Amino acid sequence: MNIGVDAAALGMSNAVTAQTADVNSGYWNPAGLLKLEDKQLSLMHASYFANIAQYDYAAFAMPIDSKSAWGISLIRFGVDDILNTTQLIDSQGNIDYNRISLFSTADYAFTFSYARALPLEGFNYGVNAKVIRRIIGDFATSWGFGFDLGAQFETKDDWKFGLMLRDITTTYNTWTINEEAFEKIKNAVPGENQELPETTEITLPKAQLGISKKFEFHYDYTLVAATNLNMQFAQTNDLISTRAVSIDPAVGFEFGYIDLAFLRAGVGNFQQITQIDNTSKLSFQPNIGIGFKYKGIQVDYALTDLGNQSAALYSNIFSVKVDFSIFR
């Protein structure tokens, strides 16, 4: 749930909390769903770790009336066809490759979003209700539930502000472990017996504060400049780190031509990485992207971690968005 969705947003290093205004707002800030004028559908695919892991996303949203909108989305992150070698060696110490099997591990997130305009002009808010499903082959499964709260404000001179509070009630995942399968593997390595893992997993609240501004030049050209402050309420290795809060800033830009072609760039994920000699090195993640929109169909591409400046590996991300107004 921390990776992000939509190649257009990822090309701007996720600095979209303030200006998100389409079907993908269900993830970034549900208040942005109020900007929808018709039904929209979004699809995204990305491969991570040399195509080992697959990340897929689908979303649909539509306005209810002039003051409210709703949306749904589904995210899957999975690794398939993992070799299960826990039974490779039998009780007599013989190696039998026929005892190798395959399994998959996958995380699913289903989100229902609702947005509504506040009586105060320029203010919108939105909420997410999330269901998390996690599966590790036949070994373990879990269910989780959580809520997000988002808000946006737009001034008359086109300044936009956004606030996204993720997992505001904390998100709980409760695991069910297949103890029969666990018994078979806990003694797989002599002298390294494993204990039964904890069955409760808690995701703590996080906050994202965003500001953006759109500039127009000679009617044909536009520039969106945006920034985010991504906050965790714990001490981490983020650029700004205290016991109360840690802050990871992100900056993104989108250059557009007649609302047809877009060039994007951004930088974020600033982290203090401890080296082998205990010195600290600042890493960051630069991203770029392009997009094309024609008659309600938008195709976007993003290349994340350009130049491998951070510990994360680069990924190619593709997404498509369809506005149903084209069928009218």
Protein backbone atom coordinates (compact mmCIF):
# COMPACT_ATOMS: atom_id res chain seq x y z
CA MET A 1 0.00 0.00 0.00
CA ASN A 2 3.03 2.31 0.15
CA ILE A 3 4.23 1.78 -3.42
CA GLY A 4 1.71 3.97 -5.20
CA VAL A 5 -0.41 3.62 -8.33
CA ASP A 6 -0.71 5.27 -11.76
CA ALA A 7 2.39 5.86 -13.91
CA ALA A 8 1.57 9.58 -14.14
CA ALA A 9 1.83 9.98 -10.36
CA LEU A 10 4.88 7.73 -10.04
CA GLY A 11 6.67 9.77 -12.72
CA MET A 12 6.25 12.78 -10.40
CA SER A 13 7.62 10.84 -7.41
CA ASN A 14 4.12 10.55 -5.90
CA ALA A 15 3.87 14.30 -5.22
CA VAL A 16 0.18 14.39 -6.13
CA THR A 17 -1.70 14.63 -2.82
CA ALA A 18 -2.89 18.17 -3.55
CA GLN A 19 -3.81 18.00 -7.25
CA THR A 20 -5.01 14.42 -7.81
CA ALA A 21 -8.38 14.72 -9.56
CA ASP A 22 -9.31 11.49 -11.32
CA VAL A 23 -10.17 7.84 -10.72
CA ASN A 24 -6.75 7.27 -9.11
CA SER A 25 -7.64 9.71 -6.34
CA GLY A 26 -9.12 6.76 -4.47
CA TYR A 27 -5.53 5.82 -3.64
CA TRP A 28 -3.78 9.20 -3.45
CA ASN A 29 -6.49 11.34 -1.83
CA PRO A 30 -10.18 10.34 -2.09
CA ALA A 31 -11.22 14.01 -1.89
CA GLY A 32 -9.99 14.35 -5.50
CA LEU A 33 -12.86 12.17 -6.74
CA LEU A 34 -15.05 15.29 -6.56
CA LYS A 35 -13.30 16.53 -9.73
CA LEU A 36 -14.76 13.68 -11.81
CA GLU A 37 -17.22 14.70 -14.50
CA ASP A 38 -17.99 11.17 -15.75
CA LYS A 39 -17.17 7.53 -15.08
CA GLN A 40 -13.48 6.61 -15.29
CA LEU A 41 -11.52 3.35 -15.40
CA SER A 42 -7.81 2.95 -14.67
CA LEU A 43 -5.45 -0.01 -15.12
CA MET A 44 -1.76 -0.35 -14.25
CA HIS A 45 0.94 -3.01 -14.45
CA ALA A 46 4.49 -2.98 -13.14
CA SER A 47 7.22 -5.59 -12.71
CA TYR A 48 9.68 -5.49 -9.82
CA PHE A 49 12.94 -7.30 -9.04
CA ALA A 50 13.76 -8.39 -12.61
CA ASN A 51 10.16 -9.50 -13.28
CA ILE A 52 10.04 -11.71 -10.21
CA ALA A 53 7.21 -9.72 -8.59
CA GLN A 54 4.13 -8.47 -10.42
CA TYR A 55 2.21 -5.39 -9.30
CA ASP A 56 -1.27 -4.82 -10.75
CA TYR A 57 -3.98 -2.26 -10.10
CA ALA A 58 -7.51 -1.57 -11.36
CA ALA A 59 -9.92 1.16 -10.32
CA PHE A 60 -13.33 2.54 -11.25
CA ALA A 61 -14.95 5.76 -10.07
CA MET A 62 -17.90 7.98 -10.93
CA PRO A 63 -19.72 11.05 -9.65
CA ILE A 64 -22.96 10.57 -7.71
CA ASP A 65 -24.10 14.17 -8.06
CA SER A 66 -22.47 17.60 -8.08
CA LYS A 67 -21.40 17.24 -4.45
CA SER A 68 -20.37 13.60 -4.07
CA ALA A 69 -18.56 10.73 -5.81
CA TRP A 70 -17.48 7.17 -5.15
CA GLY A 71 -14.89 4.69 -6.38
CA ILE A 72 -13.47 1.21 -5.90
CA SER A 73 -9.98 -0.17 -6.51
CA LEU A 74 -8.09 -3.44 -6.33
CA ILE A 75 -4.33 -3.86 -5.90
CA ARG A 76 -2.36 -7.11 -6.16
CA PHE A 77 1.34 -7.54 -5.46
CA GLY A 78 2.47 -11.10 -5.90
CA VAL A 79 5.34 -13.47 -6.52
CA ASP A 80 4.27 -16.64 -8.33
CA ASP A 81 5.83 -20.07 -8.89
CA ILE A 82 8.11 -19.99 -5.84
CA LEU A 83 10.04 -23.24 -5.33
CA ASN A 84 9.03 -24.97 -2.12
CA THR A 85 12.14 -26.93 -1.13
CA THR A 86 11.12 -27.61 2.48
CA GLN A 87 10.57 -31.30 1.63
CA LEU A 88 13.60 -31.64 -0.65
CA ILE A 89 15.44 -33.84 1.87
CA ASP A 90 13.55 -36.81 3.26
CA SER A 91 13.81 -38.24 6.76
CA GLN A 92 16.78 -40.44 5.72
CA GLY A 93 18.71 -37.45 4.39
CA ASN A 94 18.17 -38.31 0.73
CA ILE A 95 17.67 -35.51 -1.80
CA ASP A 96 14.59 -36.03 -3.99
CA TYR A 97 13.86 -33.29 -6.51
CA ASN A 98 10.40 -34.75 -7.11
CA ARG A 99 9.50 -33.47 -3.64
CA ILE A 100 9.82 -29.85 -4.83
CA SER A 101 6.49 -28.05 -5.32
CA LEU A 102 5.45 -24.54 -6.33
CA PHE A 103 3.48 -21.91 -4.45
CA SER A 104 2.57 -18.24 -4.74
CA THR A 105 2.50 -15.40 -2.27
CA ALA A 106 0.31 -12.37 -2.87
CA ASP A 107 -1.08 -9.31 -1.12
CA TYR A 108 -4.47 -7.91 -2.14
CA ALA A 109 -6.04 -4.59 -1.19
CA PHE A 110 -9.66 -3.74 -1.95
CA THR A 111 -10.64 -0.12 -1.31
CA PHE A 112 -14.02 1.61 -1.36
CA SER A 113 -13.80 5.41 -1.57
CA TYR A 114 -16.38 8.13 -0.98
CA ALA A 115 -15.92 11.87 -1.45
CA ARG A 116 -18.10 14.85 -0.68
CA ALA A 117 -17.91 18.62 -0.98
CA LEU A 118 -17.99 20.67 2.20
CA PRO A 119 -20.25 23.75 2.51
CA LEU A 120 -17.13 25.94 2.56
CA GLU A 121 -16.20 26.77 -1.04
CA GLY A 122 -13.07 25.03 -2.27
CA PHE A 123 -13.01 22.35 0.44
CA ASN A 124 -13.59 18.65 -0.29
CA TYR A 125 -13.06 15.57 1.82
CA GLY A 126 -12.99 11.83 1.20
CA VAL A 127 -12.72 8.55 3.10
CA ASN A 128 -11.40 5.10 2.22
CA ALA A 129 -12.45 1.79 3.71
CA LYS A 130 -9.79 -0.86 3.01
CA VAL A 131 -9.81 -4.66 3.16
CA ILE A 132 -6.40 -6.33 3.04
CA ARG A 133 -5.98 -9.99 2.09
CA ARG A 134 -2.57 -11.69 2.25
CA ILE A 135 -1.78 -15.25 1.17
CA ILE A 136 1.48 -17.21 1.52
CA GLY A 137 0.80 -20.47 -0.33
CA ASP A 138 -0.77 -23.06 1.96
CA PHE A 139 1.30 -21.81 4.90
CA ALA A 140 -0.59 -18.73 6.10
CA THR A 141 -3.34 -16.26 5.25
CA SER A 142 -4.50 -13.01 6.78
CA TRP A 143 -7.32 -10.45 6.74
CA GLY A 144 -6.92 -6.78 7.56
CA PHE A 145 -9.09 -3.68 7.77
CA GLY A 146 -8.34 0.03 7.87
CA PHE A 147 -9.48 3.56 7.02
CA ASP A 148 -7.98 6.63 5.32
CA LEU A 149 -9.15 10.23 5.46
CA GLY A 150 -8.28 12.89 2.85
CA ALA A 151 -9.02 16.56 2.25
CA GLN A 152 -8.31 19.10 -0.49
CA PHE A 153 -8.61 22.86 -0.71
CA GLU A 154 -8.29 25.01 -3.85
CA THR A 155 -7.92 28.78 -3.82
CA LYS A 156 -9.33 31.12 -6.45
CA ASP A 157 -5.83 31.69 -7.89
CA ASP A 158 -5.35 27.91 -8.49
CA TRP A 159 -3.18 27.04 -5.50
CA LYS A 160 -4.06 23.54 -4.31
CA PHE A 161 -3.52 21.98 -0.89
CA GLY A 162 -4.05 18.38 0.13
CA LEU A 163 -3.85 16.29 3.28
CA MET A 164 -4.01 12.49 3.35
CA LEU A 165 -4.16 10.58 6.64
CA ARG A 166 -3.49 6.90 6.00
CA ASP A 167 -4.52 4.12 8.39
CA ILE A 168 -5.99 6.67 10.78
CA THR A 169 -7.34 3.96 13.09
CA THR A 170 -4.25 1.80 12.50
CA THR A 171 -4.74 -1.11 10.09
CA TYR A 172 -4.84 -4.55 11.71
CA ASN A 173 -3.91 -7.76 9.89
CA THR A 174 -4.78 -11.01 11.64
CA TRP A 175 -2.94 -14.11 10.43
CA THR A 176 -4.11 -17.72 10.35
CA ILE A 177 -1.13 -20.09 10.22
CA ASN A 178 -1.38 -23.64 8.91
CA GLU A 179 0.16 -25.35 11.91
CA GLU A 180 0.30 -28.72 10.14
CA ALA A 181 2.45 -27.22 7.38
CA PHE A 182 4.48 -25.33 9.99
CA GLU A 183 5.29 -28.55 11.84
CA LYS A 184 6.79 -29.99 8.65
CA ILE A 185 9.24 -27.13 8.16
CA LYS A 186 10.12 -25.80 11.61
CA ASN A 187 12.86 -28.43 11.99
CA ALA A 188 13.98 -28.28 8.34
CA VAL A 189 17.38 -26.86 9.36
CA PRO A 190 18.97 -28.86 12.23
CA GLY A 191 19.64 -26.72 15.26
CA GLU A 192 17.61 -23.80 13.93
CA ASN A 193 14.07 -24.58 15.03
CA GLN A 194 11.57 -21.84 14.29
CA GLU A 195 8.95 -20.53 16.69
CA LEU A 196 5.36 -19.95 15.61
CA PRO A 197 5.20 -16.33 14.30
CA GLU A 198 3.02 -13.60 15.75
CA THR A 199 -0.50 -13.61 14.32
CA THR A 200 -1.22 -9.87 14.58
CA GLU A 201 0.33 -7.23 12.33
CA ILE A 202 -0.33 -3.51 12.83
CA THR A 203 0.18 -0.68 10.32
CA LEU A 204 0.63 2.65 12.10
CA PRO A 205 -0.91 5.92 10.83
CA LYS A 206 0.95 8.09 8.32
CA ALA A 207 0.27 11.54 6.88
CA GLN A 208 0.95 13.24 3.55
CA LEU A 209 0.75 17.00 3.10
CA GLY A 210 0.83 18.38 -0.43
CA ILE A 211 0.90 21.73 -2.26
CA SER A 212 0.68 22.30 -6.01
CA LYS A 213 0.25 25.07 -8.54
CA LYS A 214 -0.52 24.97 -12.27
CA PHE A 215 1.02 27.58 -14.55
CA GLU A 216 -0.08 28.29 -18.13
CA PHE A 217 2.16 29.70 -20.87
CA HIS A 218 0.91 31.03 -24.22
CA TYR A 219 -2.31 28.98 -23.88
CA ASP A 220 -0.68 25.81 -25.28
CA TYR A 221 1.83 24.98 -22.53
CA THR A 222 1.29 24.17 -18.87
CA LEU A 223 3.53 23.37 -15.92
CA VAL A 224 2.36 21.71 -12.73
CA ALA A 225 4.76 22.05 -9.80
CA ALA A 226 3.99 19.99 -6.71
CA THR A 227 5.57 18.97 -3.45
CA ASN A 228 4.72 16.46 -0.73
CA LEU A 229 5.81 15.98 2.85
CA ASN A 230 5.41 12.29 3.68
CA MET A 231 5.30 11.82 7.43
CA GLN A 232 5.62 8.81 9.72
CA PHE A 233 5.06 9.17 13.45
CA ALA A 234 8.17 7.27 14.44
CA GLN A 235 11.94 7.71 14.13
CA THR A 236 13.16 6.29 10.81
CA ASN A 237 16.03 6.94 8.39
CA ASP A 238 14.05 9.62 6.49
CA LEU A 239 15.74 12.90 5.58
CA ILE A 240 14.18 14.61 8.61
CA SER A 241 14.02 12.25 11.58
CA THR A 242 12.93 12.87 15.16
CA ARG A 243 11.36 10.74 17.86
CA ALA A 244 7.96 12.35 17.22
CA VAL A 245 7.87 12.41 13.41
CA SER A 246 10.02 11.55 10.40
CA ILE A 247 9.56 13.42 7.11
CA ASP A 248 10.44 12.34 3.58
CA PRO A 249 9.91 15.20 1.08
CA ALA A 250 9.10 14.71 -2.61
CA VAL A 251 8.97 17.15 -5.52
CA GLY A 252 7.35 16.59 -8.89
CA PHE A 253 6.80 18.46 -12.17
CA GLU A 254 4.53 17.89 -15.16
CA PHE A 255 5.05 19.81 -18.40
CA GLY A 256 2.03 19.61 -20.73
CA TYR A 257 1.34 20.58 -24.33
CA ILE A 258 -2.30 21.37 -25.31
CA ASP A 259 -3.50 18.73 -22.83
CA LEU A 260 -2.23 16.10 -25.28
CA ALA A 261 1.37 15.22 -24.39
CA PHE A 262 3.05 15.30 -20.98
CA LEU A 263 6.62 15.09 -19.71
CA ARG A 264 7.11 14.39 -16.02
CA ALA A 265 9.96 14.29 -13.52
CA GLY A 266 10.30 14.06 -9.79
CA VAL A 267 12.57 13.17 -6.92
CA GLY A 268 11.74 11.66 -3.54
CA ASN A 269 12.43 8.79 -1.14
CA PHE A 270 15.25 10.66 0.59
CA GLN A 271 16.88 8.25 3.04
CA GLN A 272 19.96 8.26 5.27
CA ILE A 273 21.66 4.93 4.50
CA THR A 274 24.27 3.59 6.93
CA GLN A 275 27.38 2.32 5.15
CA ILE A 276 29.68 -0.55 6.15
CA ASP A 277 32.06 1.87 7.89
CA ASN A 278 29.10 3.33 9.87
CA THR A 279 29.10 6.58 7.90
CA SER A 280 25.80 7.90 6.59
CA LYS A 281 25.02 8.46 2.92
CA LEU A 282 21.98 10.30 1.57
CA SER A 283 20.12 8.34 -1.11
CA PHE A 284 17.19 9.55 -3.18
CA GLN A 285 14.97 8.27 -5.97
CA PRO A 286 14.67 10.29 -9.21
CA ASN A 287 11.79 9.37 -11.54
CA ILE A 288 10.75 10.41 -15.04
CA GLY A 289 7.69 9.73 -17.17
CA ILE A 290 5.72 10.59 -20.28
CA GLY A 291 2.02 10.53 -21.10
CA PHE A 292 -0.39 10.97 -23.99
CA LYS A 293 -4.09 11.77 -23.88
CA TYR A 294 -6.52 11.71 -26.78
CA LYS A 295 -10.31 11.92 -26.60
CA GLY A 296 -10.56 10.64 -23.06
CA ILE A 297 -7.97 7.85 -23.32
CA GLN A 298 -4.69 8.49 -21.48
CA VAL A 299 -1.62 6.23 -21.62
CA ASP A 300 1.28 6.86 -19.23
CA TYR A 301 4.74 5.44 -18.66
CA ALA A 302 7.14 5.97 -15.76
CA LEU A 303 10.72 4.90 -15.12
CA THR A 304 11.40 4.93 -11.41
CA ASP A 305 14.76 5.32 -9.70
CA LEU A 306 16.48 6.78 -12.77
CA GLY A 307 20.24 6.28 -12.39
CA ASN A 308 19.92 3.96 -9.35
CA GLN A 309 20.46 6.74 -6.82
CA SER A 310 18.58 4.90 -4.08
CA ALA A 311 18.60 1.42 -2.60
CA ALA A 312 15.44 0.57 -4.55
CA LEU A 313 15.69 -1.02 -8.00
CA TYR A 314 14.32 0.81 -11.03
CA SER A 315 10.99 -0.31 -12.51
CA ASN A 316 9.09 0.26 -15.75
CA ILE A 317 5.48 1.15 -15.08
CA PHE A 318 2.61 1.41 -17.57
CA SER A 319 -0.94 2.60 -16.95
CA VAL A 320 -4.02 3.52 -18.95
CA LYS A 321 -7.01 5.63 -17.98
CA VAL A 322 -10.33 5.78 -19.83
CA ASP A 323 -12.93 8.52 -19.39
CA PHE A 324 -16.35 7.16 -20.33
CA SER A 325 -17.37 10.54 -21.79
CA ILE A 326 -15.78 9.36 -25.06
CA PHE A 327 -18.69 6.96 -25.54
CA ARG A 328 -21.29 9.69 -25.50
